Amino acid sequence: MGEALSKAVEWCREQNFEFDAVNDNLPEIIEFYGHNSRKISCDYYIDDRMLLPENAKA
């Protein structure tokens, strides 16, 4: 985990926002598929480049 990601995860913890995993699959997902895919399975993605359509500039 790089420095920027570590700082972001720590900030989230300070806000009482905990992750089950960061940039990795959960052990039960790895066991289910028999390998750790590069594609991360999750319920929600949090991305610093997310852009809402109403905020997009043409």
Protein backbone atom coordinates (compact mmCIF):
# COMPACT_ATOMS: atom_id res chain seq x y z
CA MET A 1 0.00 0.00 0.00
CA GLY A 2 1.48 3.33 -1.04
CA GLU A 3 1.71 6.37 1.21
CA ALA A 4 -1.29 8.19 -0.31
CA LEU A 5 -3.50 5.10 -0.01
CA SER A 6 -2.33 4.48 3.57
CA LYS A 7 -3.21 8.06 4.50
CA ALA A 8 -6.63 7.74 2.86
CA VAL A 9 -7.39 4.47 4.68
CA GLU A 10 -6.26 5.98 7.98
CA TRP A 11 -8.47 9.04 7.43
CA CYS A 12 -11.43 6.76 6.74
CA ARG A 13 -10.73 4.87 9.99
CA GLU A 14 -10.70 8.16 11.87
CA GLN A 15 -14.18 8.78 10.42
CA ASN A 16 -15.29 5.32 11.69
CA PHE A 17 -15.38 3.96 8.15
CA GLU A 18 -13.79 0.50 8.06
CA PHE A 19 -13.02 -1.62 5.01
CA ASP A 20 -13.11 -5.40 4.84
CA ALA A 21 -10.25 -5.21 2.32
CA VAL A 22 -8.30 -2.57 0.42
CA ASN A 23 -7.29 -3.32 -3.17
CA ASP A 24 -7.62 -7.04 -2.55
CA ASN A 25 -10.25 -9.74 -2.53
CA LEU A 26 -11.58 -11.26 0.66
CA PRO A 27 -10.29 -14.74 1.55
CA GLU A 28 -13.73 -16.27 0.95
CA ILE A 29 -13.81 -14.81 -2.59
CA ILE A 30 -10.33 -16.20 -3.31
CA GLU A 31 -11.41 -19.60 -1.98
CA PHE A 32 -14.65 -19.54 -3.99
CA TYR A 33 -12.90 -18.87 -7.30
CA GLY A 34 -9.74 -20.84 -6.48
CA HIS A 35 -7.43 -17.87 -7.14
CA ASN A 36 -7.00 -14.18 -6.39
CA SER A 37 -8.16 -12.41 -9.51
CA ARG A 38 -6.88 -8.96 -10.41
CA LYS A 39 -10.56 -7.95 -10.70
CA ILE A 40 -11.73 -7.00 -7.24
CA SER A 41 -15.17 -8.20 -6.12
CA CYS A 42 -17.04 -5.72 -3.97
CA ASP A 43 -20.40 -4.19 -3.15
CA TYR A 44 -19.19 -0.58 -3.62
CA TYR A 45 -16.25 1.04 -5.34
CA ILE A 46 -14.85 4.29 -3.97
CA ASP A 47 -12.83 6.15 -6.57
CA ASP A 48 -11.15 9.54 -6.36
CA ARG A 49 -11.90 10.11 -10.05
CA MET A 50 -15.63 9.50 -9.82
CA LEU A 51 -17.61 12.20 -11.59
CA LEU A 52 -21.33 12.77 -11.36
CA PRO A 53 -23.00 13.61 -14.69
CA GLU A 54 -24.47 16.84 -13.31
CA ASN A 55 -20.96 18.04 -12.46
CA ALA A 56 -19.41 17.15 -15.83
CA LYS A 57 -18.35 19.98 -18.10
CA ALA A 58 -18.96 19.62 -21.84
